[in-house]
Amino acid sequence: MRTLRIRKFTILSLFFILTLPWIFFVTAHLIETKTLHFGISDTQQKNVDRTLHLIEDHTKDWTDAVWQKQLRSQLQKMNIDATLLSPSDQKIFQTADNLALRSSEQFSVIQNGQVLGRVILYLPASNVIQMIAAFSGLLLAFFIVGFEMRRFILRPLEKMSQAAQDIADGDLDIQLPATRISEIAKVREGFEVMVKGLKEAFHKQRESEKERRFIIGAVAHDLRTPLFALRGYLEGLEQGIADSPEKRAKYLAVCKEKSAQLDRLVEDLFAFTKVEYLETKLNKNPVDLAKVLQRSLDSLEPLAREKHISFVRHVVKDCVVFGDAHLLERAISNLLDNAVRHTPYQGNIFVQCDHTTHKVTFTIRDTGPGFTSEDLQHVFEPLYRGEESRNRATGGAGLGLTFAHSIIGQHGGALEARNHPDGGAHLTGWIPSMVNALHD
């Protein structure tokens, strides 16, 4: 559909308003006179000449009643009225009294250099019909322009206004009007983008609210298990069921394990809520990702030593990114903690970090069972845990990988999960380098 700009529509409307009355005027003149010649027609000019000759040839008879009767009869046949005036402008003869609507021509009658009188001829007022036609054309032009203006401008704007009111009332299933005016069409496109964005935002909000309720319920369920176990073992200690040093040591070890599990659950939930729902603004500064990896490895060294797990490192220096050091360390620690918990006794964890001009990449690979095909489809979804590699026995709430994925994404990077050909989970991530991030 071809569109018009408001300026062009206005110019065309003005041209139409100015043109249509002239078309009506010319048409009416053509119908009445059968010619496009404006002014006195040839027939009227002949009648005027004949009348003038008749009057000039009988100047002595102007006051004669018989001659005046003959002149009146002749003028009636030619549809002409006349007035004869003396040199002193006294009225000698007149065919009619009301001659205001007729066009007139005046002539002076002179003989031998002496003014004998004046003649005023009144011709048929043929332009009255043309003027009426022109006025009718003007009214019709205004009506047509007003109708088209309401059709192409006012009505779409009224519908846009109603659509805005419907959106304000929460109704997003609106029908926006089509229009040929480009400015209104752009507003319509803006409305469509806005409505689409609102629908996506509302859908995301509903999904987030649903996910939030699910997370709270699931984590509350997960918290009950270690809490019940912790309470049971503490009551056993209090009641003296652990009546030997070996039993007391066992009870205390279980209590310590359950408290650590509770700590991980609460910390994962708090961190995930902070990133996903509070939308905390990142405190970005230059961060050496190699040092972040080293600190995370150092913190997990005791847990890895208990399972006789070895870290195989290949980390280059100056892997500098622009980001939040605390959140990045939390994300890397989650990935390494996940790898340690799922790596079997005497296994290996391979950690690499390298950089290019545009980004810093890192990989974490373990020698555990890896992911199933179903795990790979949902591995970054909150609270998802596979049957074998991601179960409650490992003590996770299913938020660690989700949290790490969100943090890396907020830093402009990406995190991917797959299985290594030699076995085990293989996580690869990248973050824009500091120079590239500052340039963006």
Protein backbone atom coordinates (compact mmCIF):
# COMPACT_ATOMS: atom_id res chain seq x y z
CA MET A 1 0.00 0.00 0.00
CA ARG A 2 1.43 3.33 -1.08
CA THR A 3 1.81 5.84 1.71
CA LEU A 4 1.55 9.63 1.80
CA ARG A 5 3.25 12.09 4.07
CA ILE A 6 1.02 14.59 5.88
CA ARG A 7 2.75 17.47 4.06
CA LYS A 8 2.00 15.90 0.68
CA PHE A 9 -1.59 15.14 1.72
CA THR A 10 -2.04 18.78 2.77
CA ILE A 11 -0.63 20.13 -0.50
CA LEU A 12 -2.84 17.81 -2.56
CA SER A 13 -5.87 18.84 -0.49
CA LEU A 14 -5.20 22.55 -1.04
CA PHE A 15 -4.66 21.98 -4.76
CA PHE A 16 -7.93 20.04 -4.93
CA ILE A 17 -9.81 22.79 -3.06
CA LEU A 18 -8.48 25.43 -5.44
CA THR A 19 -8.97 23.39 -8.61
CA LEU A 20 -12.45 21.89 -8.22
CA PRO A 21 -14.33 25.26 -8.12
CA TRP A 22 -12.61 26.33 -11.36
CA ILE A 23 -13.58 23.04 -12.99
CA PHE A 24 -17.21 23.63 -12.00
CA PHE A 25 -17.04 27.25 -13.17
CA VAL A 26 -15.61 26.37 -16.60
CA THR A 27 -18.04 23.47 -17.00
CA ALA A 28 -21.05 25.67 -16.23
CA HIS A 29 -19.80 28.36 -18.63
CA LEU A 30 -19.26 25.76 -21.36
CA ILE A 31 -22.77 24.33 -20.89
CA GLU A 32 -24.36 27.79 -20.95
CA THR A 33 -22.38 29.50 -23.72
CA LYS A 34 -21.21 26.44 -25.71
CA THR A 35 -17.79 28.06 -25.81
CA LEU A 36 -14.72 28.49 -23.65
CA HIS A 37 -14.52 32.18 -24.53
CA PHE A 38 -14.98 34.38 -21.47
CA GLY A 39 -16.51 37.86 -21.82
CA ILE A 40 -19.09 39.14 -24.37
CA SER A 41 -19.99 36.54 -26.96
CA ASP A 42 -20.03 37.32 -30.68
CA THR A 43 -23.84 37.32 -30.74
CA GLN A 44 -24.03 39.71 -27.82
CA GLN A 45 -21.44 41.97 -29.46
CA LYS A 46 -23.49 42.08 -32.67
CA ASN A 47 -26.60 42.94 -30.67
CA VAL A 48 -24.73 45.70 -28.86
CA ASP A 49 -23.46 47.17 -32.15
CA ARG A 50 -26.91 46.99 -33.69
CA THR A 51 -28.46 48.70 -30.65
CA LEU A 52 -25.85 51.45 -30.68
CA HIS A 53 -26.42 52.13 -34.38
CA LEU A 54 -30.16 52.27 -33.79
CA ILE A 55 -29.75 54.77 -30.95
CA GLU A 56 -27.13 56.92 -32.68
CA ASP A 57 -29.15 57.13 -35.89
CA HIS A 58 -32.24 58.39 -34.04
CA THR A 59 -30.87 60.87 -31.58
CA LYS A 60 -33.70 63.26 -32.43
CA ASP A 61 -36.29 60.57 -31.59
CA TRP A 62 -35.02 59.74 -28.06
CA THR A 63 -37.97 61.50 -26.51
CA ASP A 64 -40.51 60.17 -29.01
CA ALA A 65 -42.85 57.67 -27.31
CA VAL A 66 -43.46 55.68 -30.50
CA TRP A 67 -39.74 55.31 -31.16
CA GLN A 68 -39.12 54.41 -27.53
CA LYS A 69 -41.73 51.67 -27.87
CA GLN A 70 -39.98 50.30 -30.95
CA LEU A 71 -36.60 50.44 -29.14
CA ARG A 72 -38.03 48.63 -26.10
CA SER A 73 -39.39 45.86 -28.34
CA GLN A 74 -36.07 45.51 -30.10
CA LEU A 75 -34.12 45.37 -26.84
CA GLN A 76 -36.45 42.69 -25.45
CA LYS A 77 -35.70 40.48 -28.45
CA MET A 78 -31.95 40.84 -27.82
CA ASN A 79 -32.34 40.43 -24.00
CA ILE A 80 -30.67 43.79 -23.45
CA ASP A 81 -31.76 46.66 -21.21
CA ALA A 82 -30.81 50.26 -21.83
CA THR A 83 -30.83 53.70 -20.24
CA LEU A 84 -30.58 56.95 -22.23
CA LEU A 85 -29.19 60.00 -20.45
CA SER A 86 -29.02 63.64 -21.55
CA PRO A 87 -25.69 65.54 -21.56
CA SER A 88 -26.60 66.69 -18.05
CA ASP A 89 -27.19 63.02 -16.95
CA GLN A 90 -30.94 63.38 -16.81
CA LYS A 91 -32.76 60.12 -17.50
CA ILE A 92 -34.58 60.15 -20.83
CA PHE A 93 -35.40 56.48 -21.27
CA GLN A 94 -35.00 53.24 -19.24
CA THR A 95 -36.33 49.73 -19.96
CA ALA A 96 -36.24 48.36 -16.36
CA ASP A 97 -35.71 49.53 -12.79
CA ASN A 98 -33.69 46.68 -11.11
CA LEU A 99 -30.53 46.26 -13.14
CA ALA A 100 -27.96 45.78 -10.36
CA LEU A 101 -27.21 42.12 -11.18
CA ARG A 102 -26.51 42.76 -14.86
CA SER A 103 -23.21 43.81 -16.36
CA SER A 104 -23.22 47.19 -18.03
CA GLU A 105 -21.36 49.12 -20.74
CA GLN A 106 -21.49 52.88 -21.17
CA PHE A 107 -21.15 54.83 -24.42
CA SER A 108 -21.21 58.55 -25.19
CA VAL A 109 -23.04 59.75 -28.32
CA ILE A 110 -21.07 62.58 -30.00
CA GLN A 111 -21.90 64.42 -33.19
CA ASN A 112 -19.92 67.30 -34.65
CA GLY A 113 -17.78 67.34 -31.49
CA GLN A 114 -20.82 67.84 -29.27
CA VAL A 115 -21.99 65.29 -26.66
CA LEU A 116 -25.64 64.55 -27.30
CA GLY A 117 -26.02 62.11 -24.42
CA ARG A 118 -24.93 58.81 -22.94
CA VAL A 119 -26.11 55.26 -23.45
CA ILE A 120 -25.89 52.55 -20.79
CA LEU A 121 -26.49 49.00 -22.03
CA TYR A 122 -27.17 46.19 -19.53
CA LEU A 123 -26.15 42.76 -20.78
CA PRO A 124 -27.43 39.41 -19.46
CA ALA A 125 -25.61 38.46 -16.22
CA SER A 126 -24.45 35.06 -17.53
CA ASN A 127 -21.71 34.64 -14.85
CA VAL A 128 -24.25 34.14 -12.03
CA ILE A 129 -24.70 30.49 -12.93
CA GLN A 130 -20.92 30.03 -13.20
CA MET A 131 -20.41 31.60 -9.75
CA ILE A 132 -23.04 29.35 -8.25
CA ALA A 133 -21.32 26.37 -9.86
CA ALA A 134 -17.92 27.50 -8.55
CA PHE A 135 -19.31 27.91 -5.02
CA SER A 136 -20.87 24.46 -5.23
CA GLY A 137 -17.51 23.06 -6.35
CA LEU A 138 -15.83 24.75 -3.39
CA LEU A 139 -18.30 23.22 -0.94
CA LEU A 140 -17.89 19.81 -2.55
CA ALA A 141 -14.09 20.11 -2.39
CA PHE A 142 -14.23 20.92 1.33
CA PHE A 143 -16.57 17.97 1.91
CA ILE A 144 -14.33 15.52 0.01
CA VAL A 145 -11.15 16.76 1.69
CA GLY A 146 -12.81 16.61 5.12
CA PHE A 147 -14.05 13.08 4.43
CA GLU A 148 -10.63 11.89 3.29
CA MET A 149 -8.92 13.65 6.19
CA ARG A 150 -11.19 11.85 8.63
CA ARG A 151 -10.65 8.57 6.82
CA PHE A 152 -6.85 8.70 6.56
CA ILE A 153 -5.86 10.87 9.56
CA LEU A 154 -8.54 11.46 12.20
CA ARG A 155 -10.04 7.95 12.33
CA PRO A 156 -6.66 6.16 12.59
CA LEU A 157 -5.59 8.61 15.31
CA GLU A 158 -8.84 7.98 17.19
CA LYS A 159 -8.24 4.23 16.98
CA MET A 160 -4.64 4.73 18.11
CA SER A 161 -5.92 6.68 21.10
CA GLN A 162 -8.41 3.92 21.91
CA ALA A 163 -5.66 1.33 21.54
CA ALA A 164 -3.47 3.27 23.97
CA GLN A 165 -6.34 3.33 26.45
CA ASP A 166 -6.86 -0.42 26.02
CA ILE A 167 -3.16 -1.03 26.62
CA ALA A 168 -3.32 1.12 29.76
CA ASP A 169 -6.25 -1.04 30.92
CA GLY A 170 -4.15 -4.18 30.38
CA ASP A 171 -5.67 -5.38 27.11
CA LEU A 172 -2.83 -6.24 24.72
CA ASP A 173 -4.97 -8.06 22.13
CA ILE A 174 -5.70 -4.94 20.12
CA GLN A 175 -6.24 -4.38 16.41
CA LEU A 176 -4.31 -1.39 15.11
CA PRO A 177 -5.77 0.43 12.08
CA ALA A 178 -4.06 0.41 8.70
CA THR A 179 -3.26 3.81 7.24
CA ARG A 180 -1.72 5.36 4.12
CA ILE A 181 -0.19 8.30 6.02
CA SER A 182 3.47 7.51 6.60
CA GLU A 183 3.78 9.40 9.91
CA ILE A 184 0.78 7.56 11.36
CA ALA A 185 2.11 4.29 9.90
CA LYS A 186 5.36 4.84 11.82
CA VAL A 187 3.38 5.45 15.00
CA ARG A 188 1.48 2.24 14.27
CA GLU A 189 4.74 0.33 13.85
CA GLY A 190 5.93 1.80 17.14
CA PHE A 191 2.71 0.63 18.81
CA GLU A 192 3.19 -2.86 17.40
CA VAL A 193 6.76 -3.02 18.70
CA MET A 194 5.62 -1.73 22.08
CA VAL A 195 2.74 -4.22 22.31
CA LYS A 196 5.03 -7.06 21.28
CA GLY A 197 7.58 -6.01 23.89
CA LEU A 198 4.87 -5.75 26.57
CA LYS A 199 3.56 -9.20 25.69
CA GLU A 200 7.05 -10.64 25.91
CA ALA A 201 7.68 -8.82 29.18
CA PHE A 202 4.39 -10.03 30.70
CA HIS A 203 5.08 -13.56 29.50
CA LYS A 204 8.58 -13.42 30.95
CA GLN A 205 7.21 -11.99 34.18
CA ARG A 206 4.67 -14.82 34.46
CA GLU A 207 7.34 -17.39 33.72
CA SER A 208 9.71 -15.79 36.22
CA GLU A 209 7.02 -15.71 38.87
CA LYS A 210 6.18 -19.33 38.19
CA GLU A 211 9.87 -20.24 38.30
CA ARG A 212 10.37 -18.24 41.50
CA ARG A 213 7.55 -20.08 43.26
CA PHE A 214 8.92 -23.38 42.00
CA ILE A 215 12.45 -22.55 43.21
CA ILE A 216 11.28 -21.48 46.64
CA GLY A 217 9.19 -24.63 47.02
CA ALA A 218 11.93 -26.91 45.75
CA VAL A 219 14.68 -25.37 47.85
CA ALA A 220 12.42 -25.40 50.92
CA HIS A 221 11.93 -29.12 50.28
CA ASP A 222 15.69 -29.61 49.88
CA LEU A 223 16.36 -27.72 53.11
CA ARG A 224 14.14 -30.05 55.10
CA THR A 225 16.28 -33.13 54.43
CA PRO A 226 19.56 -31.90 55.96
CA LEU A 227 17.65 -30.00 58.67
CA PHE A 228 15.81 -33.14 59.78
CA ALA A 229 19.03 -35.15 59.67
CA LEU A 230 20.92 -32.46 61.59
CA ARG A 231 18.21 -32.25 64.23
CA GLY A 232 18.10 -36.01 64.57
CA TYR A 233 21.84 -36.38 65.10
CA LEU A 234 21.94 -33.45 67.52
CA GLU A 235 19.11 -34.99 69.54
CA GLY A 236 21.06 -38.24 69.53
CA LEU A 237 24.07 -36.44 70.98
CA GLU A 238 21.88 -34.68 73.52
CA GLN A 239 20.14 -37.88 74.66
CA GLY A 240 23.42 -39.78 74.93
CA ILE A 241 22.71 -42.27 72.15
CA ALA A 242 26.26 -41.73 70.93
CA ASP A 243 27.77 -43.38 74.02
CA SER A 244 31.26 -43.94 72.62
CA PRO A 245 33.93 -41.64 71.23
CA GLU A 246 33.64 -43.32 67.83
CA LYS A 247 29.86 -42.72 67.65
CA ARG A 248 30.19 -39.13 68.85
CA ALA A 249 32.84 -38.47 66.21
CA LYS A 250 30.58 -40.03 63.56
CA TYR A 251 27.58 -37.96 64.72
CA LEU A 252 29.65 -34.77 64.70
CA ALA A 253 31.01 -35.53 61.21
CA VAL A 254 27.46 -36.01 59.91
CA CYS A 255 26.32 -32.78 61.57
CA LYS A 256 29.26 -30.95 60.01
CA GLU A 257 28.42 -32.41 56.56
CA LYS A 258 24.74 -31.48 56.85
CA SER A 259 25.57 -27.94 58.00
CA ALA A 260 27.91 -27.54 55.01
CA GLN A 261 25.13 -28.81 52.74
CA LEU A 262 22.73 -26.29 54.27
CA ASP A 263 25.30 -23.55 53.75
CA ARG A 264 25.65 -24.46 50.07
CA LEU A 265 21.88 -24.53 49.58
CA VAL A 266 21.33 -21.14 51.21
CA GLU A 267 24.31 -19.57 49.44
CA ASP A 268 23.20 -20.89 46.03
CA LEU A 269 19.65 -19.66 46.59
CA PHE A 270 20.80 -16.22 47.73
CA ALA A 271 23.23 -15.81 44.83
CA PHE A 272 20.71 -16.98 42.23
CA THR A 273 18.02 -14.65 43.60
CA LYS A 274 20.47 -11.74 43.58
CA VAL A 275 21.41 -12.25 39.94
CA GLU A 276 18.12 -13.36 38.40
CA TYR A 277 15.46 -11.40 40.25
CA LEU A 278 17.02 -8.41 41.96
CA GLU A 279 18.88 -7.52 38.75
CA THR A 280 21.80 -6.12 40.73
CA LYS A 281 23.96 -3.73 38.77
CA LEU A 282 27.38 -5.26 38.25
CA ASN A 283 30.30 -3.48 39.89
CA LYS A 284 32.68 -3.81 36.94
CA ASN A 285 36.42 -3.39 37.22
CA PRO A 286 39.46 -4.95 35.53
CA VAL A 287 39.64 -8.59 36.66
CA ASP A 288 42.37 -11.14 35.88
CA LEU A 289 40.38 -14.33 35.24
CA ALA A 290 43.55 -16.42 35.67
CA LYS A 291 43.84 -15.21 39.27
CA VAL A 292 40.11 -15.85 39.82
CA LEU A 293 40.59 -19.44 38.65
CA GLN A 294 43.61 -19.85 40.93
CA ARG A 295 41.73 -18.60 44.00
CA SER A 296 38.82 -20.92 43.25
CA LEU A 297 41.17 -23.86 42.83
CA ASP A 298 42.90 -23.05 46.11
CA SER A 299 39.59 -22.90 47.97
CA LEU A 300 38.56 -26.35 46.62
CA GLU A 301 41.94 -27.95 47.16
CA PRO A 302 41.01 -29.51 50.55
CA LEU A 303 37.83 -31.10 49.13
CA ALA A 304 39.74 -32.39 46.13
CA ARG A 305 42.47 -33.78 48.35
CA GLU A 306 39.91 -35.81 50.31
CA LYS A 307 38.94 -37.60 47.07
CA HIS A 308 42.52 -37.70 45.80
CA ILE A 309 41.50 -35.60 42.78
CA SER A 310 44.27 -33.90 40.81
CA PHE A 311 43.98 -30.50 39.13
CA VAL A 312 45.70 -30.30 35.74
CA ARG A 313 46.17 -26.61 34.99
CA HIS A 314 47.07 -24.71 31.87
CA VAL A 315 46.44 -21.06 32.70
CA VAL A 316 48.21 -18.19 30.94
CA LYS A 317 48.76 -14.79 32.49
CA ASP A 318 46.95 -11.51 31.85
CA CYS A 319 43.51 -12.97 31.06
CA VAL A 320 41.98 -9.60 31.95
CA VAL A 321 38.26 -8.97 31.60
CA PHE A 322 36.01 -6.11 32.70
CA GLY A 323 33.56 -7.37 35.29
CA ASP A 324 32.51 -8.03 38.88
CA ALA A 325 35.34 -9.95 40.58
CA HIS A 326 33.14 -11.37 43.36
CA LEU A 327 30.45 -12.70 41.05
CA LEU A 328 32.98 -14.10 38.58
CA GLU A 329 34.78 -15.94 41.38
CA ARG A 330 31.43 -17.24 42.60
CA ALA A 331 30.56 -18.52 39.12
CA ILE A 332 33.97 -20.19 38.59
CA SER A 333 33.81 -21.73 42.08
CA ASN A 334 30.39 -23.18 41.28
CA LEU A 335 31.72 -24.78 38.11
CA LEU A 336 34.78 -26.22 39.87
CA ASP A 337 32.73 -27.34 42.88
CA ASN A 338 30.34 -29.12 40.51
CA ALA A 339 33.32 -30.82 38.84
CA VAL A 340 34.85 -31.91 42.15
CA ARG A 341 31.58 -33.33 43.47
CA HIS A 342 30.99 -35.37 40.31
CA THR A 343 34.57 -36.55 39.73
CA PRO A 344 35.20 -40.04 41.13
CA TYR A 345 37.94 -41.02 43.57
CA GLN A 346 41.45 -40.42 42.18
CA GLY A 347 40.04 -38.62 39.16
CA ASN A 348 41.36 -35.58 37.29
CA ILE A 349 40.02 -32.08 36.60
CA PHE A 350 41.54 -30.17 33.67
CA VAL A 351 41.45 -26.39 33.87
CA GLN A 352 42.53 -24.11 31.03
CA CYS A 353 42.45 -20.34 30.52
CA ASP A 354 43.67 -18.44 27.48
CA HIS A 355 43.03 -15.13 25.78
CA THR A 356 42.89 -13.54 22.34
CA THR A 357 42.53 -9.93 21.28
CA HIS A 358 38.76 -9.99 21.69
CA LYS A 359 37.94 -12.51 24.43
CA VAL A 360 39.16 -14.64 27.30
CA THR A 361 38.24 -18.33 27.15
CA PHE A 362 38.29 -20.97 29.88
CA THR A 363 37.46 -24.69 30.03
CA ILE A 364 36.79 -27.02 32.93
CA ARG A 365 36.75 -30.77 32.22
CA ASP A 366 36.37 -33.61 34.68
CA THR A 367 36.67 -37.40 34.41
CA GLY A 368 33.27 -38.09 35.90
CA PRO A 369 30.28 -39.74 34.25
CA GLY A 370 29.47 -36.61 32.23
CA PHE A 371 26.01 -35.54 31.11
CA THR A 372 23.26 -37.65 29.63
CA SER A 373 21.58 -36.46 26.45
CA GLU A 374 18.65 -35.23 28.53
CA ASP A 375 20.99 -33.43 30.93
CA LEU A 376 22.54 -31.47 28.06
CA GLN A 377 19.12 -30.11 27.08
CA HIS A 378 18.37 -28.77 30.58
CA VAL A 379 21.76 -28.41 32.24
CA PHE A 380 21.48 -24.65 32.80
CA GLU A 381 17.85 -24.66 33.92
CA PRO A 382 17.31 -23.86 37.60
CA LEU A 383 16.84 -26.84 39.93
CA TYR A 384 17.40 -29.38 37.17
CA ARG A 385 19.31 -32.44 38.37
CA GLY A 386 19.93 -35.58 36.41
CA GLU A 387 19.30 -39.03 37.76
CA GLU A 388 22.94 -39.92 38.22
CA SER A 389 25.33 -37.04 37.76
CA ARG A 390 23.22 -34.31 39.41
CA ASN A 391 21.29 -35.75 42.35
CA ARG A 392 20.62 -34.72 45.91
CA ALA A 393 23.32 -37.01 47.22
CA THR A 394 25.92 -34.53 45.97
CA GLY A 395 24.40 -31.82 48.12
CA GLY A 396 23.56 -29.36 45.32
CA ALA A 397 20.35 -27.47 44.87
CA GLY A 398 20.57 -27.49 41.08
CA LEU A 399 21.41 -23.79 40.99
CA GLY A 400 25.18 -23.80 40.61
CA LEU A 401 25.39 -24.17 36.82
CA THR A 402 22.38 -21.90 36.34
CA PHE A 403 24.01 -19.23 38.46
CA ALA A 404 27.33 -19.51 36.59
CA HIS A 405 25.53 -19.37 33.23
CA SER A 406 23.68 -16.19 34.27
CA ILE A 407 26.85 -14.48 35.56
CA ILE A 408 28.83 -15.23 32.39
CA GLY A 409 25.90 -14.02 30.27
CA GLN A 410 25.64 -10.76 32.24
CA HIS A 411 29.30 -10.14 31.46
CA GLY A 412 28.59 -10.38 27.73
CA GLY A 413 29.94 -13.91 27.34
CA ALA A 414 28.56 -17.42 27.05
CA LEU A 415 28.85 -20.79 28.76
CA GLU A 416 28.36 -24.12 26.99
CA ALA A 417 28.23 -27.69 28.26
CA ARG A 418 29.03 -30.92 26.44
CA ASN A 419 30.71 -34.27 26.97
CA HIS A 420 34.37 -34.70 26.16
CA PRO A 421 35.20 -37.46 23.65
CA ASP A 422 37.40 -39.14 26.32
CA GLY A 423 34.57 -38.98 28.84
CA GLY A 424 33.48 -36.53 31.50
CA ALA A 425 31.72 -33.18 31.51
CA HIS A 426 33.32 -30.42 29.45
CA LEU A 427 32.34 -26.81 30.20
CA THR A 428 33.57 -24.02 27.92
CA GLY A 429 33.04 -20.31 28.57
CA TRP A 430 34.24 -17.01 27.24
CA ILE A 431 34.05 -13.35 28.31
CA PRO A 432 35.00 -10.30 26.21
CA SER A 433 38.47 -9.06 26.99
CA MET A 434 38.77 -5.77 28.86
CA VAL A 435 39.81 -3.82 25.75
CA ASN A 436 36.93 -5.21 23.71
CA ALA A 437 34.43 -4.71 26.54
CA LEU A 438 35.45 -1.07 27.02
CA HIS A 439 35.23 -0.50 23.25
CA ASP A 440 31.67 -1.90 23.19
